Amino acid sequence: MTAKILKALKGSISKWMKIAQGTGVDLGDRNCPLCQQFFGCEEGLSCGGCPVREKTGLVYCKRTPYTKWTKHVDNCGICGNRGDRSKGIRARCDDAVMLALKEVNFLESLLPKGKP
């Protein structure tokens, strides 16, 4: 993993930790360091080179805790903006906090072994 990718991965972990702690918001790809680096394309493939895609084999963070997060916030009357993500989504209920922490754990599992 290159230093640039590692920095983006750690930035994404930080984003989700802040969301879990109630101090951050999810703006989707607009405030995700990994998406900012990989969302466009590499060799014409969406998310090409992203460690999430390399792990799952899928684009757009499918089959990660993020998928459950988006479904939850779209349906939760407490933390969801009922489909309007323009202002960012906050973890305002226990389920959302748990899902944000699951995203942190998933992203941390992508860190190179032996590298803090």
PDB file of N, CA and C in Angstrom:
ATOM      1  N   MET A   1       0.852  -1.171   0.000  1.00  0.00           N
ATOM      2  CA  MET A   1       0.000   0.000   0.000  1.00  0.00           C
ATOM      3  C   MET A   1       0.899   1.234   0.000  1.00  0.00           C
ATOM      4  N   THR A   2       0.605   2.146  -0.916  1.00  0.00           N
ATOM      5  CA  THR A   2       1.420   3.354  -0.996  1.00  0.00           C
ATOM      6  C   THR A   2       1.103   4.291   0.171  1.00  0.00           C
ATOM      7  N   ALA A   3       2.003   5.221   0.408  1.00  0.00           N
ATOM      8  CA  ALA A   3       1.799   6.197   1.479  1.00  0.00           C
ATOM      9  C   ALA A   3       0.549   7.036   1.215  1.00  0.00           C
ATOM     10  N   LYS A   4       0.274   7.353  -0.029  1.00  0.00           N
ATOM     11  CA  LYS A   4      -0.892   8.153  -0.395  1.00  0.00           C
ATOM     12  C   LYS A   4      -2.199   7.394  -0.091  1.00  0.00           C
ATOM     13  N   ILE A   5      -2.224   6.121  -0.430  1.00  0.00           N
ATOM     14  CA  ILE A   5      -3.409   5.305  -0.148  1.00  0.00           C
ATOM     15  C   ILE A   5      -3.573   5.128   1.352  1.00  0.00           C
ATOM     16  N   LEU A   6      -2.483   4.880   2.064  1.00  0.00           N
ATOM     17  CA  LEU A   6      -2.539   4.721   3.514  1.00  0.00           C
ATOM     18  C   LEU A   6      -3.076   5.987   4.181  1.00  0.00           C
ATOM     19  N   LYS A   7      -2.640   7.140   3.706  1.00  0.00           N
ATOM     20  CA  LYS A   7      -3.124   8.414   4.254  1.00  0.00           C
ATOM     21  C   LYS A   7      -4.632   8.551   4.023  1.00  0.00           C
ATOM     22  N   ALA A   8      -5.101   8.202   2.832  1.00  0.00           N
ATOM     23  CA  ALA A   8      -6.534   8.285   2.532  1.00  0.00           C
ATOM     24  C   ALA A   8      -7.324   7.300   3.393  1.00  0.00           C
ATOM     25  N   LEU A   9      -6.803   6.094   3.569  1.00  0.00           N
ATOM     26  CA  LEU A   9      -7.471   5.094   4.398  1.00  0.00           C
ATOM     27  C   LEU A   9      -7.576   5.592   5.844  1.00  0.00           C
ATOM     28  N   LYS A  10      -6.483   6.109   6.370  1.00  0.00           N
ATOM     29  CA  LYS A  10      -6.515   6.639   7.737  1.00  0.00           C
ATOM     30  C   LYS A  10      -7.460   7.834   7.851  1.00  0.00           C
ATOM     31  N   GLY A  11      -7.538   8.644   6.806  1.00  0.00           N
ATOM     32  CA  GLY A  11      -8.478   9.758   6.797  1.00  0.00           C
ATOM     33  C   GLY A  11      -9.919   9.284   6.816  1.00  0.00           C
ATOM     34  N   SER A  12     -10.201   8.211   6.104  1.00  0.00           N
ATOM     35  CA  SER A  12     -11.555   7.648   6.100  1.00  0.00           C
ATOM     36  C   SER A  12     -11.896   7.038   7.455  1.00  0.00           C
ATOM     37  N   ILE A  13     -10.926   6.396   8.063  1.00  0.00           N
ATOM     38  CA  ILE A  13     -11.138   5.862   9.418  1.00  0.00           C
ATOM     39  C   ILE A  13     -11.452   7.003  10.369  1.00  0.00           C
ATOM     40  N   SER A  14     -10.721   8.091  10.276  1.00  0.00           N
ATOM     41  CA  SER A  14     -10.951   9.251  11.131  1.00  0.00           C
ATOM     42  C   SER A  14     -12.349   9.829  10.902  1.00  0.00           C
ATOM     43  N   LYS A  15     -12.771   9.915   9.645  1.00  0.00           N
ATOM     44  CA  LYS A  15     -14.114  10.407   9.335  1.00  0.00           C
ATOM     45  C   LYS A  15     -15.158   9.592  10.077  1.00  0.00           C
ATOM     46  N   TRP A  16     -15.055   8.264  10.001  1.00  0.00           N
ATOM     47  CA  TRP A  16     -16.069   7.402  10.612  1.00  0.00           C
ATOM     48  C   TRP A  16     -15.977   7.381  12.131  1.00  0.00           C
ATOM     49  N   MET A  17     -14.792   7.547  12.663  1.00  0.00           N
ATOM     50  CA  MET A  17     -14.659   7.637  14.119  1.00  0.00           C
ATOM     51  C   MET A  17     -15.360   8.903  14.617  1.00  0.00           C
ATOM     52  N   LYS A  18     -15.186   9.997  13.901  1.00  0.00           N
ATOM     53  CA  LYS A  18     -15.852  11.245  14.284  1.00  0.00           C
ATOM     54  C   LYS A  18     -17.366  11.106  14.181  1.00  0.00           C
ATOM     55  N   ILE A  19     -17.838  10.422  13.168  1.00  0.00           N
ATOM     56  CA  ILE A  19     -19.282  10.195  13.040  1.00  0.00           C
ATOM     57  C   ILE A  19     -19.775   9.384  14.232  1.00  0.00           C
ATOM     58  N   ALA A  20     -19.052   8.330  14.587  1.00  0.00           N
ATOM     59  CA  ALA A  20     -19.446   7.488  15.726  1.00  0.00           C
ATOM     60  C   ALA A  20     -19.436   8.277  17.030  1.00  0.00           C
ATOM     61  N   GLN A  21     -18.514   9.224  17.154  1.00  0.00           N
ATOM     62  CA  GLN A  21     -18.405  10.034  18.368  1.00  0.00           C
ATOM     63  C   GLN A  21     -19.383  11.204  18.388  1.00  0.00           C
ATOM     64  N   GLY A  22     -20.101  11.401  17.302  1.00  0.00           N
ATOM     65  CA  GLY A  22     -21.082  12.474  17.228  1.00  0.00           C
ATOM     66  C   GLY A  22     -20.519  13.823  16.832  1.00  0.00           C
ATOM     67  N   THR A  23     -19.259  13.858  16.396  1.00  0.00           N
ATOM     68  CA  THR A  23     -18.645  15.134  16.025  1.00  0.00           C
ATOM     69  C   THR A  23     -18.478  15.300  14.520  1.00  0.00           C
ATOM     70  N   GLY A  24     -18.838  14.280  13.753  1.00  0.00           N
ATOM     71  CA  GLY A  24     -18.666  14.336  12.306  1.00  0.00           C
ATOM     72  C   GLY A  24     -19.942  13.969  11.578  1.00  0.00           C
ATOM     73  N   VAL A  25     -19.941  14.226  10.277  1.00  0.00           N
ATOM     74  CA  VAL A  25     -21.082  13.902   9.431  1.00  0.00           C
ATOM     75  C   VAL A  25     -20.614  13.102   8.221  1.00  0.00           C
ATOM     76  N   ASP A  26     -21.549  12.357   7.660  1.00  0.00           N
ATOM     77  CA  ASP A  26     -21.285  11.630   6.427  1.00  0.00           C
ATOM     78  C   ASP A  26     -21.859  12.420   5.264  1.00  0.00           C
ATOM     79  N   LEU A  27     -21.000  12.820   4.377  1.00  0.00           N
ATOM     80  CA  LEU A  27     -21.394  13.483   3.139  1.00  0.00           C
ATOM     81  C   LEU A  27     -21.108  12.568   1.951  1.00  0.00           C
ATOM     82  N   GLY A  28     -21.103  11.266   2.214  1.00  0.00           N
ATOM     83  CA  GLY A  28     -20.825  10.315   1.140  1.00  0.00           C
ATOM     84  C   GLY A  28     -19.429  10.508   0.594  1.00  0.00           C
ATOM     85  N   ASP A  29     -19.326  10.469  -0.726  1.00  0.00           N
ATOM     86  CA  ASP A  29     -18.020  10.594  -1.367  1.00  0.00           C
ATOM     87  C   ASP A  29     -17.443  12.001  -1.246  1.00  0.00           C
ATOM     88  N   ARG A  30     -18.266  12.972  -0.855  1.00  0.00           N
ATOM     89  CA  ARG A  30     -17.781  14.348  -0.759  1.00  0.00           C
ATOM     90  C   ARG A  30     -16.849  14.584   0.415  1.00  0.00           C
ATOM     91  N   ASN A  31     -16.912  13.729   1.450  1.00  0.00           N
ATOM     92  CA  ASN A  31     -15.959  13.899   2.556  1.00  0.00           C
ATOM     93  C   ASN A  31     -15.286  12.580   2.932  1.00  0.00           C
ATOM     94  N   CYS A  32     -15.114  11.737   1.953  1.00  0.00           N
ATOM     95  CA  CYS A  32     -14.393  10.480   2.159  1.00  0.00           C
ATOM     96  C   CYS A  32     -13.055  10.551   1.431  1.00  0.00           C
ATOM     97  N   PRO A  33     -11.953  10.551   2.163  1.00  0.00           N
ATOM     98  CA  PRO A  33     -10.649  10.624   1.514  1.00  0.00           C
ATOM     99  C   PRO A  33     -10.405   9.495   0.502  1.00  0.00           C
ATOM    100  N   LEU A  34     -10.892   8.297   0.780  1.00  0.00           N
ATOM    101  CA  LEU A  34     -10.723   7.213  -0.194  1.00  0.00           C
ATOM    102  C   LEU A  34     -11.507   7.503  -1.466  1.00  0.00           C
ATOM    103  N   CYS A  35     -12.749   7.943  -1.315  1.00  0.00           N
ATOM    104  CA  CYS A  35     -13.553   8.267  -2.498  1.00  0.00           C
ATOM    105  C   CYS A  35     -12.944   9.430  -3.277  1.00  0.00           C
ATOM    106  N   GLN A  36     -12.424  10.411  -2.567  1.00  0.00           N
ATOM    107  CA  GLN A  36     -11.825  11.545  -3.254  1.00  0.00           C
ATOM    108  C   GLN A  36     -10.632  11.103  -4.105  1.00  0.00           C
ATOM    109  N   GLN A  37      -9.974  10.040  -3.685  1.00  0.00           N
ATOM    110  CA  GLN A  37      -8.836   9.538  -4.436  1.00  0.00           C
ATOM    111  C   GLN A  37      -9.237   8.541  -5.523  1.00  0.00           C
ATOM    112  N   PHE A  38     -10.272   7.758  -5.281  1.00  0.00           N
ATOM    113  CA  PHE A  38     -10.574   6.636  -6.175  1.00  0.00           C
ATOM    114  C   PHE A  38     -11.949   6.649  -6.822  1.00  0.00           C
ATOM    115  N   PHE A  39     -12.844   7.548  -6.443  1.00  0.00           N
ATOM    116  CA  PHE A  39     -14.224   7.475  -6.913  1.00  0.00           C
ATOM    117  C   PHE A  39     -14.323   7.635  -8.416  1.00  0.00           C
ATOM    118  N   GLY A  40     -13.486   8.478  -8.982  1.00  0.00           N
ATOM    119  CA  GLY A  40     -13.500   8.651 -10.429  1.00  0.00           C
ATOM    120  C   GLY A  40     -13.232   7.332 -11.110  1.00  0.00           C
ATOM    121  N   CYS A  41     -12.081   7.199 -11.626  1.00  0.00           N
ATOM    122  CA  CYS A  41     -11.784   5.912 -12.243  1.00  0.00           C
ATOM    123  C   CYS A  41     -10.284   5.745 -12.465  1.00  0.00           C
ATOM    124  N   GLU A  42      -9.915   4.520 -12.520  1.00  0.00           N
ATOM    125  CA  GLU A  42      -8.569   4.119 -12.889  1.00  0.00           C
ATOM    126  C   GLU A  42      -8.762   3.091 -13.988  1.00  0.00           C
ATOM    127  N   GLU A  43      -8.230   3.359 -15.150  1.00  0.00           N
ATOM    128  CA  GLU A  43      -8.410   2.485 -16.300  1.00  0.00           C
ATOM    129  C   GLU A  43      -9.897   2.268 -16.594  1.00  0.00           C
ATOM    130  N   GLY A  44     -10.719   3.332 -16.394  1.00  0.00           N
ATOM    131  CA  GLY A  44     -12.134   3.257 -16.720  1.00  0.00           C
ATOM    132  C   GLY A  44     -12.996   2.514 -15.726  1.00  0.00           C
ATOM    133  N   LEU A  45     -12.459   2.148 -14.564  1.00  0.00           N
ATOM    134  CA  LEU A  45     -13.231   1.395 -13.579  1.00  0.00           C
ATOM    135  C   LEU A  45     -13.521   2.265 -12.367  1.00  0.00           C
ATOM    136  N   SER A  46     -14.791   2.341 -11.975  1.00  0.00           N
ATOM    137  CA  SER A  46     -15.127   3.085 -10.760  1.00  0.00           C
ATOM    138  C   SER A  46     -14.436   2.449  -9.573  1.00  0.00           C
ATOM    139  N   CYS A  47     -13.896   3.268  -8.719  1.00  0.00           N
ATOM    140  CA  CYS A  47     -13.244   2.839  -7.479  1.00  0.00           C
ATOM    141  C   CYS A  47     -11.970   2.025  -7.737  1.00  0.00           C
ATOM    142  N   GLY A  48     -11.436   2.082  -8.923  1.00  0.00           N
ATOM    143  CA  GLY A  48     -10.234   1.321  -9.247  1.00  0.00           C
ATOM    144  C   GLY A  48      -9.073   1.701  -8.356  1.00  0.00           C
ATOM    145  N   GLY A  49      -8.458   0.724  -7.714  1.00  0.00           N
ATOM    146  CA  GLY A  49      -7.326   0.944  -6.835  1.00  0.00           C
ATOM    147  C   GLY A  49      -7.698   1.166  -5.381  1.00  0.00           C
ATOM    148  N   CYS A  50      -8.986   1.336  -5.085  1.00  0.00           N
ATOM    149  CA  CYS A  50      -9.420   1.568  -3.712  1.00  0.00           C
ATOM    150  C   CYS A  50      -9.283   0.273  -2.907  1.00  0.00           C
ATOM    151  N   PRO A  51      -8.702   0.358  -1.704  1.00  0.00           N
ATOM    152  CA  PRO A  51      -8.552  -0.853  -0.894  1.00  0.00           C
ATOM    153  C   PRO A  51      -9.893  -1.489  -0.502  1.00  0.00           C
ATOM    154  N   VAL A  52     -10.953  -0.692  -0.422  1.00  0.00           N
ATOM    155  CA  VAL A  52     -12.277  -1.266  -0.138  1.00  0.00           C
ATOM    156  C   VAL A  52     -12.705  -2.142  -1.298  1.00  0.00           C
ATOM    157  N   ARG A  53     -12.570  -1.627  -2.513  1.00  0.00           N
ATOM    158  CA  ARG A  53     -12.932  -2.419  -3.694  1.00  0.00           C
ATOM    159  C   ARG A  53     -12.037  -3.643  -3.809  1.00  0.00           C
ATOM    160  N   GLU A  54     -10.760  -3.482  -3.507  1.00  0.00           N
ATOM    161  CA  GLU A  54      -9.851  -4.631  -3.584  1.00  0.00           C
ATOM    162  C   GLU A  54     -10.274  -5.721  -2.612  1.00  0.00           C
ATOM    163  N   LYS A  55     -10.802  -5.342  -1.452  1.00  0.00           N
ATOM    164  CA  LYS A  55     -11.242  -6.315  -0.448  1.00  0.00           C
ATOM    165  C   LYS A  55     -12.555  -6.989  -0.855  1.00  0.00           C
ATOM    166  N   THR A  56     -13.519  -6.180  -1.306  1.00  0.00           N
ATOM    167  CA  THR A  56     -14.857  -6.708  -1.592  1.00  0.00           C
ATOM    168  C   THR A  56     -15.042  -7.165  -3.034  1.00  0.00           C
ATOM    169  N   GLY A  57     -14.257  -6.597  -3.935  1.00  0.00           N
ATOM    170  CA  GLY A  57     -14.449  -6.874  -5.350  1.00  0.00           C
ATOM    171  C   GLY A  57     -15.612  -6.105  -5.951  1.00  0.00           C
ATOM    172  N   LEU A  58     -16.183  -5.188  -5.168  1.00  0.00           N
ATOM    173  CA  LEU A  58     -17.363  -4.438  -5.603  1.00  0.00           C
ATOM    174  C   LEU A  58     -17.106  -2.934  -5.546  1.00  0.00           C
ATOM    175  N   VAL A  59     -17.868  -2.188  -6.334  1.00  0.00           N
ATOM    176  CA  VAL A  59     -17.754  -0.730  -6.351  1.00  0.00           C
ATOM    177  C   VAL A  59     -18.686  -0.116  -5.320  1.00  0.00           C
ATOM    178  N   TYR A  60     -18.451   1.164  -5.025  1.00  0.00           N
ATOM    179  CA  TYR A  60     -19.319   1.990  -4.187  1.00  0.00           C
ATOM    180  C   TYR A  60     -19.521   1.429  -2.776  1.00  0.00           C
ATOM    181  N   CYS A  61     -18.524   0.767  -2.247  1.00  0.00           N
ATOM    182  CA  CYS A  61     -18.554   0.240  -0.869  1.00  0.00           C
ATOM    183  C   CYS A  61     -19.685  -0.757  -0.623  1.00  0.00           C
ATOM    184  N   LYS A  62     -20.118  -1.428  -1.676  1.00  0.00           N
ATOM    185  CA  LYS A  62     -21.159  -2.448  -1.510  1.00  0.00           C
ATOM    186  C   LYS A  62     -20.617  -3.602  -0.680  1.00  0.00           C
ATOM    187  N   ARG A  63     -21.500  -4.209   0.086  1.00  0.00           N
ATOM    188  CA  ARG A  63     -21.196  -5.304   1.012  1.00  0.00           C
ATOM    189  C   ARG A  63     -20.178  -4.907   2.079  1.00  0.00           C
ATOM    190  N   THR A  64     -20.291  -3.679   2.527  1.00  0.00           N
ATOM    191  CA  THR A  64     -19.511  -3.200   3.671  1.00  0.00           C
ATOM    192  C   THR A  64     -20.522  -2.632   4.665  1.00  0.00           C
ATOM    193  N   PRO A  65     -20.096  -2.296   5.862  1.00  0.00           N
ATOM    194  CA  PRO A  65     -21.030  -1.679   6.804  1.00  0.00           C
ATOM    195  C   PRO A  65     -21.661  -0.386   6.259  1.00  0.00           C
ATOM    196  N   TYR A  66     -21.007   0.253   5.300  1.00  0.00           N
ATOM    197  CA  TYR A  66     -21.560   1.482   4.730  1.00  0.00           C
ATOM    198  C   TYR A  66     -22.919   1.225   4.072  1.00  0.00           C
ATOM    199  N   THR A  67     -23.091   0.068   3.473  1.00  0.00           N
ATOM    200  CA  THR A  67     -24.366  -0.264   2.840  1.00  0.00           C
ATOM    201  C   THR A  67     -25.493  -0.263   3.871  1.00  0.00           C
ATOM    202  N   LYS A  68     -25.239  -0.882   5.021  1.00  0.00           N
ATOM    203  CA  LYS A  68     -26.256  -0.902   6.087  1.00  0.00           C
ATOM    204  C   LYS A  68     -26.458   0.496   6.668  1.00  0.00           C
ATOM    205  N   TRP A  69     -25.376   1.269   6.758  1.00  0.00           N
ATOM    206  CA  TRP A  69     -25.466   2.645   7.250  1.00  0.00           C
ATOM    207  C   TRP A  69     -26.430   3.449   6.376  1.00  0.00           C
ATOM    208  N   THR A  70     -26.245   3.417   5.063  1.00  0.00           N
ATOM    209  CA  THR A  70     -27.086   4.226   4.175  1.00  0.00           C
ATOM    210  C   THR A  70     -28.547   3.785   4.257  1.00  0.00           C
ATOM    211  N   LYS A  71     -28.773   2.487   4.331  1.00  0.00           N
ATOM    212  CA  LYS A  71     -30.147   1.995   4.454  1.00  0.00           C
ATOM    213  C   LYS A  71     -30.756   2.474   5.769  1.00  0.00           C
ATOM    214  N   HIS A  72     -29.977   2.386   6.833  1.00  0.00           N
ATOM    215  CA  HIS A  72     -30.471   2.817   8.149  1.00  0.00           C
ATOM    216  C   HIS A  72     -30.836   4.301   8.143  1.00  0.00           C
ATOM    217  N   VAL A  73     -29.919   5.150   7.714  1.00  0.00           N
ATOM    218  CA  VAL A  73     -30.177   6.591   7.805  1.00  0.00           C
ATOM    219  C   VAL A  73     -31.290   7.032   6.857  1.00  0.00           C
ATOM    220  N   ASP A  74     -31.510   6.286   5.790  1.00  0.00           N
ATOM    221  CA  ASP A  74     -32.626   6.609   4.904  1.00  0.00           C
ATOM    222  C   ASP A  74     -33.963   6.303   5.558  1.00  0.00           C
ATOM    223  N   ASN A  75     -33.971   5.391   6.520  1.00  0.00           N
ATOM    224  CA  ASN A  75     -35.220   4.950   7.135  1.00  0.00           C
ATOM    225  C   ASN A  75     -35.390   5.360   8.597  1.00  0.00           C
ATOM    226  N   CYS A  76     -34.351   5.880   9.209  1.00  0.00           N
ATOM    227  CA  CYS A  76     -34.409   6.231  10.631  1.00  0.00           C
ATOM    228  C   CYS A  76     -34.988   7.632  10.803  1.00  0.00           C
ATOM    229  N   GLY A  77     -36.028   7.726  11.590  1.00  0.00           N
ATOM    230  CA  GLY A  77     -36.631   9.028  11.852  1.00  0.00           C
ATOM    231  C   GLY A  77     -35.819   9.896  12.782  1.00  0.00           C
ATOM    232  N   ILE A  78     -34.837   9.312  13.455  1.00  0.00           N
ATOM    233  CA  ILE A  78     -34.017  10.066  14.403  1.00  0.00           C
ATOM    234  C   ILE A  78     -32.792  10.673  13.721  1.00  0.00           C
ATOM    235  N   CYS A  79     -32.060   9.874  12.967  1.00  0.00           N
ATOM    236  CA  CYS A  79     -30.796  10.389  12.419  1.00  0.00           C
ATOM    237  C   CYS A  79     -30.839  10.618  10.917  1.00  0.00           C
ATOM    238  N   GLY A  80     -31.835  10.128  10.245  1.00  0.00           N
ATOM    239  CA  GLY A  80     -31.889  10.296   8.798  1.00  0.00           C
ATOM    240  C   GLY A  80     -32.430  11.645   8.380  1.00  0.00           C
ATOM    241  N   ASN A  81     -32.027  12.060   7.225  1.00  0.00           N
ATOM    242  CA  ASN A  81     -32.557  13.281   6.618  1.00  0.00           C
ATOM    243  C   ASN A  81     -33.561  12.908   5.533  1.00  0.00           C
ATOM    244  N   ARG A  82     -34.111  11.717   5.643  1.00  0.00           N
ATOM    245  CA  ARG A  82     -35.101  11.205   4.710  1.00  0.00           C
ATOM    246  C   ARG A  82     -34.641  11.382   3.256  1.00  0.00           C
ATOM    247  N   GLY A  83     -33.450  10.862   2.968  1.00  0.00           N
ATOM    248  CA  GLY A  83     -32.932  10.878   1.613  1.00  0.00           C
ATOM    249  C   GLY A  83     -32.140  12.118   1.245  1.00  0.00           C
ATOM    250  N   ASP A  84     -32.218  13.200   2.032  1.00  0.00           N
ATOM    251  CA  ASP A  84     -31.474  14.417   1.740  1.00  0.00           C
ATOM    252  C   ASP A  84     -30.143  14.372   2.472  1.00  0.00           C
ATOM    253  N   ARG A  85     -29.093  14.059   1.739  1.00  0.00           N
ATOM    254  CA  ARG A  85     -27.766  13.951   2.346  1.00  0.00           C
ATOM    255  C   ARG A  85     -26.937  15.212   2.155  1.00  0.00           C
ATOM    256  N   SER A  86     -27.529  16.266   1.611  1.00  0.00           N
ATOM    257  CA  SER A  86     -26.762  17.462   1.281  1.00  0.00           C
ATOM    258  C   SER A  86     -26.147  18.139   2.504  1.00  0.00           C
ATOM    259  N   LYS A  87     -26.777  18.016   3.671  1.00  0.00           N
ATOM    260  CA  LYS A  87     -26.263  18.645   4.886  1.00  0.00           C
ATOM    261  C   LYS A  87     -25.426  17.685   5.713  1.00  0.00           C
ATOM    262  N   GLY A  88     -25.312  16.468   5.266  1.00  0.00           N
ATOM    263  CA  GLY A  88     -24.557  15.473   6.006  1.00  0.00           C
ATOM    264  C   GLY A  88     -25.447  14.700   6.954  1.00  0.00           C
ATOM    265  N   ILE A  89     -25.078  13.488   7.196  1.00  0.00           N
ATOM    266  CA  ILE A  89     -25.832  12.608   8.069  1.00  0.00           C
ATOM    267  C   ILE A  89     -25.042  12.408   9.355  1.00  0.00           C
ATOM    268  N   ARG A  90     -25.721  12.544  10.476  1.00  0.00           N
ATOM    269  CA  ARG A  90     -25.114  12.342  11.791  1.00  0.00           C
ATOM    270  C   ARG A  90     -25.654  11.056  12.404  1.00  0.00           C
ATOM    271  N   ALA A  91     -24.847  10.446  13.221  1.00  0.00           N
ATOM    272  CA  ALA A  91     -25.272   9.266  13.983  1.00  0.00           C
ATOM    273  C   ALA A  91     -26.006   9.767  15.216  1.00  0.00           C
ATOM    274  N   ARG A  92     -27.320   9.736  15.160  1.00  0.00           N
ATOM    275  CA  ARG A  92     -28.117  10.288  16.258  1.00  0.00           C
ATOM    276  C   ARG A  92     -28.825   9.216  17.075  1.00  0.00           C
ATOM    277  N   CYS A  93     -28.643   7.972  16.735  1.00  0.00           N
ATOM    278  CA  CYS A  93     -29.258   6.899  17.522  1.00  0.00           C
ATOM    279  C   CYS A  93     -28.213   5.803  17.740  1.00  0.00           C
ATOM    280  N   ASP A  94     -28.486   4.923  18.679  1.00  0.00           N
ATOM    281  CA  ASP A  94     -27.531   3.869  19.019  1.00  0.00           C
ATOM    282  C   ASP A  94     -27.207   2.974  17.826  1.00  0.00           C
ATOM    283  N   ASP A  95     -28.213   2.661  17.000  1.00  0.00           N
ATOM    284  CA  ASP A  95     -27.961   1.810  15.833  1.00  0.00           C
ATOM    285  C   ASP A  95     -27.005   2.484  14.851  1.00  0.00           C
ATOM    286  N   ALA A  96     -27.172   3.772  14.650  1.00  0.00           N
ATOM    287  CA  ALA A  96     -26.287   4.498  13.744  1.00  0.00           C
ATOM    288  C   ALA A  96     -24.860   4.540  14.281  1.00  0.00           C
ATOM    289  N   VAL A  97     -24.715   4.750  15.577  1.00  0.00           N
ATOM    290  CA  VAL A  97     -23.382   4.746  16.192  1.00  0.00           C
ATOM    291  C   VAL A  97     -22.734   3.377  16.002  1.00  0.00           C
ATOM    292  N   MET A  98     -23.503   2.317  16.226  1.00  0.00           N
ATOM    293  CA  MET A  98     -22.975   0.966  16.057  1.00  0.00           C
ATOM    294  C   MET A  98     -22.538   0.731  14.604  1.00  0.00           C
ATOM    295  N   LEU A  99     -23.329   1.193  13.650  1.00  0.00           N
ATOM    296  CA  LEU A  99     -22.975   1.010  12.239  1.00  0.00           C
ATOM    297  C   LEU A  99     -21.737   1.826  11.861  1.00  0.00           C
ATOM    298  N   ALA A 100     -21.613   3.024  12.422  1.00  0.00           N
ATOM    299  CA  ALA A 100     -20.424   3.832  12.166  1.00  0.00           C
ATOM    300  C   ALA A 100     -19.182   3.141  12.729  1.00  0.00           C
ATOM    301  N   LEU A 101     -19.309   2.552  13.905  1.00  0.00           N
ATOM    302  CA  LEU A 101     -18.174   1.820  14.496  1.00  0.00           C
ATOM    303  C   LEU A 101     -17.834   0.570  13.685  1.00  0.00           C
ATOM    304  N   LYS A 102     -18.850  -0.059  13.120  1.00  0.00           N
ATOM    305  CA  LYS A 102     -18.582  -1.214  12.250  1.00  0.00           C
ATOM    306  C   LYS A 102     -17.816  -0.782  11.010  1.00  0.00           C
ATOM    307  N   GLU A 103     -18.122   0.394  10.500  1.00  0.00           N
ATOM    308  CA  GLU A 103     -17.382   0.918   9.349  1.00  0.00           C
ATOM    309  C   GLU A 103     -15.938   1.205   9.753  1.00  0.00           C
ATOM    310  N   VAL A 104     -15.736   1.758  10.941  1.00  0.00           N
ATOM    311  CA  VAL A 104     -14.375   1.976  11.446  1.00  0.00           C
ATOM    312  C   VAL A 104     -13.625   0.650  11.500  1.00  0.00           C
ATOM    313  N   ASN A 105     -14.243  -0.357  12.092  1.00  0.00           N
ATOM    314  CA  ASN A 105     -13.591  -1.672  12.212  1.00  0.00           C
ATOM    315  C   ASN A 105     -13.271  -2.268  10.853  1.00  0.00           C
ATOM    316  N   PHE A 106     -14.207  -2.144   9.920  1.00  0.00           N
ATOM    317  CA  PHE A 106     -13.965  -2.668   8.568  1.00  0.00           C
ATOM    318  C   PHE A 106     -12.767  -1.959   7.934  1.00  0.00           C
ATOM    319  N   LEU A 107     -12.759  -0.641   7.993  1.00  0.00           N
ATOM    320  CA  LEU A 107     -11.659   0.116   7.388  1.00  0.00           C
ATOM    321  C   LEU A 107     -10.331  -0.195   8.075  1.00  0.00           C
ATOM    322  N   GLU A 108     -10.363  -0.339   9.395  1.00  0.00           N
ATOM    323  CA  GLU A 108      -9.126  -0.686  10.106  1.00  0.00           C
ATOM    324  C   GLU A 108      -8.610  -2.060   9.690  1.00  0.00           C
ATOM    325  N   SER A 109      -9.500  -2.945   9.307  1.00  0.00           N
ATOM    326  CA  SER A 109      -9.072  -4.277   8.858  1.00  0.00           C
ATOM    327  C   SER A 109      -8.306  -4.211   7.543  1.00  0.00           C
ATOM    328  N   LEU A 110      -8.399  -3.092   6.854  1.00  0.00           N
ATOM    329  CA  LEU A 110      -7.699  -2.916   5.576  1.00  0.00           C
ATOM    330  C   LEU A 110      -6.288  -2.354   5.760  1.00  0.00           C
ATOM    331  N   LEU A 111      -5.993  -1.902   6.967  1.00  0.00           N
ATOM    332  CA  LEU A 111      -4.641  -1.374   7.232  1.00  0.00           C
ATOM    333  C   LEU A 111      -3.611  -2.481   7.083  1.00  0.00           C
ATOM    334  N   PRO A 112      -2.451  -2.130   6.563  1.00  0.00           N
ATOM    335  CA  PRO A 112      -1.389  -3.134   6.474  1.00  0.00           C
ATOM    336  C   PRO A 112      -1.062  -3.670   7.865  1.00  0.00           C
ATOM    337  N   LYS A 113      -0.829  -4.932   7.946  1.00  0.00           N
ATOM    338  CA  LYS A 113      -0.493  -5.549   9.230  1.00  0.00           C
ATOM    339  C   LYS A 113       0.829  -4.992   9.738  1.00  0.00           C
ATOM    340  N   GLY A 114       0.869  -4.697  11.041  1.00  0.00           N
ATOM    341  CA  GLY A 114       2.088  -4.198  11.654  1.00  0.00           C
ATOM    342  C   GLY A 114       2.328  -2.714  11.482  1.00  0.00           C
ATOM    343  N   LYS A 115       1.331  -1.981  10.878  1.00  0.00           N
ATOM    344  CA  LYS A 115       1.474  -0.538  10.701  1.00  0.00           C
ATOM    345  C   LYS A 115       0.394   0.151  11.516  1.00  0.00           C
ATOM    346  N   PRO A 116       0.773   0.929  12.521  1.00  0.00           N
ATOM    347  CA  PRO A 116      -0.242   1.645  13.328  1.00  0.00           C
ATOM    348  C   PRO A 116      -0.922   2.737  12.540  1.00  0.00           C
TER     349      PRO A 116
END
